[in-house]
Amino acid sequence: ILYQYHRVISLRRSHYCEALHHLKNIPTNVAIGINEPDLDYDRLLQLIEWCRLVPTIKTVTIYYPNAPEEAPRQLDLNLKDSQDFQVCFLTAQSGRQSLIEAARYFARDPTKEVTVDRISEYLKHDYPHPDPELLLIFGECQIYNGFPCWQIRLTETMFFAPLEWITLSQFYQALKVYSKCEQRFGK
């Protein structure tokens, strides 16, 4: 019933575009994690399009650990008119292994001070994208499934049912929940 409700109210797309202006805090970098054996490319394209229509979102990072190498090419992204918007793809290799390599790097020279900035700088070669502020994870399991853990240390995470069930209404609701989050970053 809830899904049908979101489907019906999602038909009012202009309502959501207007409502975005009333949100005080909208993310600029959104990540999408997919914990499903098969990827629904059409639905993913729809979600990317919704992100592109939000004026503040500049980067969408897609993490699908089961993705074949041709997965990014199977998405027909028409971003020519979106100069400030980019879509990035991550593989399973971008995850924990890069953090292990960073630990080894800093352990080789104990005289180097280990700081958050230095770790982030070192990890840029495996993850050159901006750290996401909002991570939307789709699938039956509520797990990160190897998403690069350092990059999401300050990220708000929301879990959803499989990607095929997402509606514009649910996407807007996620932005609305994010806008109400108060991030203190340990202060």
Protein backbone atom coordinates (compact mmCIF):
# COMPACT_ATOMS: atom_id res chain seq x y z
CA ILE A 1 0.00 0.00 0.00
CA LEU A 2 2.83 2.36 0.89
CA TYR A 3 4.53 1.70 -2.46
CA GLN A 4 1.29 2.47 -4.35
CA TYR A 5 0.90 5.67 -2.35
CA HIS A 6 4.41 6.81 -3.33
CA ARG A 7 3.80 5.85 -6.96
CA VAL A 8 0.63 7.93 -7.15
CA ILE A 9 2.05 11.04 -5.52
CA SER A 10 5.26 10.72 -7.56
CA LEU A 11 3.22 11.65 -10.63
CA ARG A 12 3.23 15.24 -9.37
CA ARG A 13 6.85 15.89 -10.35
CA SER A 14 6.51 19.68 -10.41
CA HIS A 15 5.39 19.55 -6.77
CA TYR A 16 8.76 18.08 -5.78
CA CYS A 17 10.76 20.61 -7.76
CA GLU A 18 8.97 23.41 -5.90
CA ALA A 19 9.29 21.68 -2.53
CA LEU A 20 13.09 21.39 -2.89
CA HIS A 21 13.38 25.15 -2.46
CA HIS A 22 12.00 24.86 1.07
CA LEU A 23 14.63 22.38 2.22
CA LYS A 24 17.45 24.08 4.11
CA ASN A 25 20.19 21.51 3.53
CA ILE A 26 20.43 19.42 0.38
CA PRO A 27 23.47 17.23 -0.37
CA THR A 28 25.88 18.09 -3.17
CA ASN A 29 27.32 14.58 -3.46
CA VAL A 30 25.08 11.52 -3.41
CA ALA A 31 26.22 7.90 -3.54
CA ILE A 32 24.10 4.96 -4.63
CA GLY A 33 25.00 1.50 -3.36
CA ILE A 34 23.31 -1.49 -4.97
CA ASN A 35 23.16 -4.79 -3.08
CA GLU A 36 21.33 -6.77 -5.73
CA PRO A 37 22.47 -9.57 -8.03
CA ASP A 38 20.99 -7.89 -11.13
CA LEU A 39 21.05 -4.21 -11.86
CA ASP A 40 17.93 -2.51 -13.21
CA TYR A 41 19.64 -0.04 -15.57
CA ASP A 42 16.42 1.78 -16.47
CA ARG A 43 15.60 2.42 -12.84
CA LEU A 44 19.16 3.52 -12.11
CA LEU A 45 18.96 5.98 -15.00
CA GLN A 46 15.71 7.32 -13.56
CA LEU A 47 17.33 7.83 -10.15
CA ILE A 48 20.34 9.58 -11.73
CA GLU A 49 17.93 11.85 -13.62
CA TRP A 50 16.14 12.76 -10.39
CA CYS A 51 19.52 13.61 -8.84
CA ARG A 52 20.42 15.73 -11.87
CA LEU A 53 17.22 17.74 -11.47
CA VAL A 54 18.19 18.75 -7.93
CA PRO A 55 20.21 21.96 -8.40
CA THR A 56 22.62 21.33 -5.52
CA ILE A 57 23.61 17.76 -6.43
CA LYS A 58 26.83 17.89 -8.45
CA THR A 59 28.14 14.31 -8.15
CA VAL A 60 26.46 10.92 -8.09
CA THR A 61 28.71 7.99 -7.24
CA ILE A 62 27.44 4.52 -8.09
CA TYR A 63 28.79 1.50 -6.26
CA TYR A 64 27.74 -1.88 -7.60
CA PRO A 65 30.24 -4.55 -6.54
CA ASN A 66 28.80 -7.14 -8.95
CA ALA A 67 29.10 -4.83 -11.95
CA PRO A 68 30.73 -6.16 -15.11
CA GLU A 69 33.26 -3.81 -16.68
CA GLU A 70 30.79 -2.73 -19.35
CA ALA A 71 28.20 -1.60 -16.77
CA PRO A 72 29.00 2.14 -17.06
CA ARG A 73 28.75 1.90 -20.84
CA GLN A 74 25.30 0.28 -20.58
CA LEU A 75 23.95 3.43 -18.99
CA ASP A 76 23.01 5.93 -21.64
CA LEU A 77 23.86 9.12 -19.76
CA ASN A 78 22.99 12.22 -21.70
CA LEU A 79 24.89 14.75 -19.59
CA LYS A 80 26.02 17.13 -22.32
CA ASP A 81 23.74 19.89 -21.04
CA SER A 82 24.83 19.28 -17.43
CA GLN A 83 28.28 20.81 -17.18
CA ASP A 84 28.41 20.81 -13.37
CA PHE A 85 26.98 17.31 -12.93
CA GLN A 86 29.02 14.11 -13.03
CA VAL A 87 28.36 10.42 -12.51
CA CYS A 88 31.18 8.27 -11.10
CA PHE A 89 31.43 4.50 -10.83
CA LEU A 90 33.21 2.54 -8.13
CA THR A 91 34.29 -1.06 -8.17
CA ALA A 92 34.86 -3.49 -5.32
CA GLN A 93 38.60 -2.67 -5.48
CA SER A 94 37.88 0.88 -4.31
CA GLY A 95 36.88 -0.38 -0.88
CA ARG A 96 38.74 -1.92 2.03
CA GLN A 97 41.92 -2.86 0.16
CA SER A 98 42.81 0.79 -0.43
CA LEU A 99 42.46 1.51 3.30
CA ILE A 100 44.75 -1.44 4.08
CA GLU A 101 47.32 -0.08 1.64
CA ALA A 102 47.09 3.34 3.29
CA ALA A 103 47.75 1.79 6.70
CA ARG A 104 50.81 0.00 5.31
CA TYR A 105 52.05 3.22 3.73
CA PHE A 106 51.86 5.14 7.00
CA ALA A 107 53.30 2.22 9.01
CA ARG A 108 56.47 2.19 6.83
CA ASP A 109 57.47 5.62 8.09
CA PRO A 110 56.44 6.07 11.73
CA THR A 111 57.87 9.61 11.78
CA LYS A 112 55.03 10.81 9.52
CA GLU A 113 52.10 12.16 11.43
CA VAL A 114 48.88 10.35 10.55
CA THR A 115 46.05 12.86 10.15
CA VAL A 116 42.61 12.72 8.61
CA ASP A 117 43.76 15.03 5.80
CA ARG A 118 46.82 12.90 4.99
CA ILE A 119 44.77 9.69 4.89
CA SER A 120 42.18 11.34 2.65
CA GLU A 121 44.90 12.65 0.35
CA TYR A 122 46.52 9.21 0.09
CA LEU A 123 43.20 7.56 -0.74
CA LYS A 124 42.47 10.02 -3.58
CA HIS A 125 44.20 7.73 -6.10
CA ASP A 126 41.56 5.00 -5.53
CA TYR A 127 38.66 7.35 -4.85
CA PRO A 128 39.17 10.68 -6.66
CA HIS A 129 35.53 11.74 -6.21
CA PRO A 130 34.15 14.00 -3.49
CA ASP A 131 33.07 12.15 -0.35
CA PRO A 132 29.31 11.57 -0.46
CA GLU A 133 27.09 13.37 1.99
CA LEU A 134 24.17 11.02 1.43
CA LEU A 135 24.39 7.29 0.66
CA LEU A 136 21.30 5.51 -0.63
CA ILE A 137 21.64 1.72 -0.42
CA PHE A 138 19.23 -0.51 -2.32
CA GLY A 139 18.63 -4.21 -1.79
CA GLU A 140 17.23 -6.85 0.50
CA CYS A 141 20.17 -6.60 2.95
CA GLN A 142 21.05 -3.50 4.92
CA ILE A 143 24.81 -3.74 4.44
CA TYR A 144 27.51 -1.52 2.95
CA ASN A 145 28.82 -4.45 0.90
CA GLY A 146 32.37 -3.13 0.63
CA PHE A 147 31.62 0.53 -0.09
CA PRO A 148 34.83 2.50 0.63
CA CYS A 149 34.52 2.94 4.38
CA TRP A 150 36.82 5.95 4.83
CA GLN A 151 34.85 8.05 2.36
CA ILE A 152 31.54 7.47 4.17
CA ARG A 153 32.73 8.14 7.71
CA LEU A 154 30.69 11.39 7.75
CA THR A 155 27.92 10.27 5.39
CA GLU A 156 24.23 9.96 6.21
CA THR A 157 23.03 6.53 5.06
CA MET A 158 19.52 5.44 4.15
CA PHE A 159 18.47 1.92 3.23
CA PHE A 160 15.76 1.09 0.70
CA ALA A 161 14.08 -1.94 -0.79
CA PRO A 162 15.37 -3.10 -4.20
CA LEU A 163 16.06 -0.37 -6.72
CA GLU A 164 13.08 -1.29 -8.87
CA TRP A 165 10.75 -0.07 -6.10
CA ILE A 166 12.14 3.47 -5.69
CA THR A 167 9.77 6.31 -6.49
CA LEU A 168 10.26 10.05 -6.85
CA SER A 169 8.30 10.50 -3.64
CA GLN A 170 10.71 8.24 -1.71
CA PHE A 171 13.72 10.02 -3.22
CA TYR A 172 12.31 13.37 -2.16
CA GLN A 173 11.59 11.94 1.30
CA ALA A 174 15.25 10.90 1.58
CA LEU A 175 16.34 14.47 0.73
CA LYS A 176 13.86 15.80 3.24
CA VAL A 177 15.19 13.53 6.01
CA TYR A 178 18.77 14.48 5.10
CA SER A 179 17.92 18.19 5.26
CA LYS A 180 16.82 17.75 8.88
CA CYS A 181 20.00 15.94 9.96
CA GLU A 182 22.30 17.87 12.23
CA GLN A 183 25.88 16.82 11.62
CA ARG A 184 28.27 17.84 14.36
CA PHE A 185 31.43 16.07 13.17
CA GLY A 186 32.53 15.32 16.72
CA LYS A 187 32.34 18.92 17.93
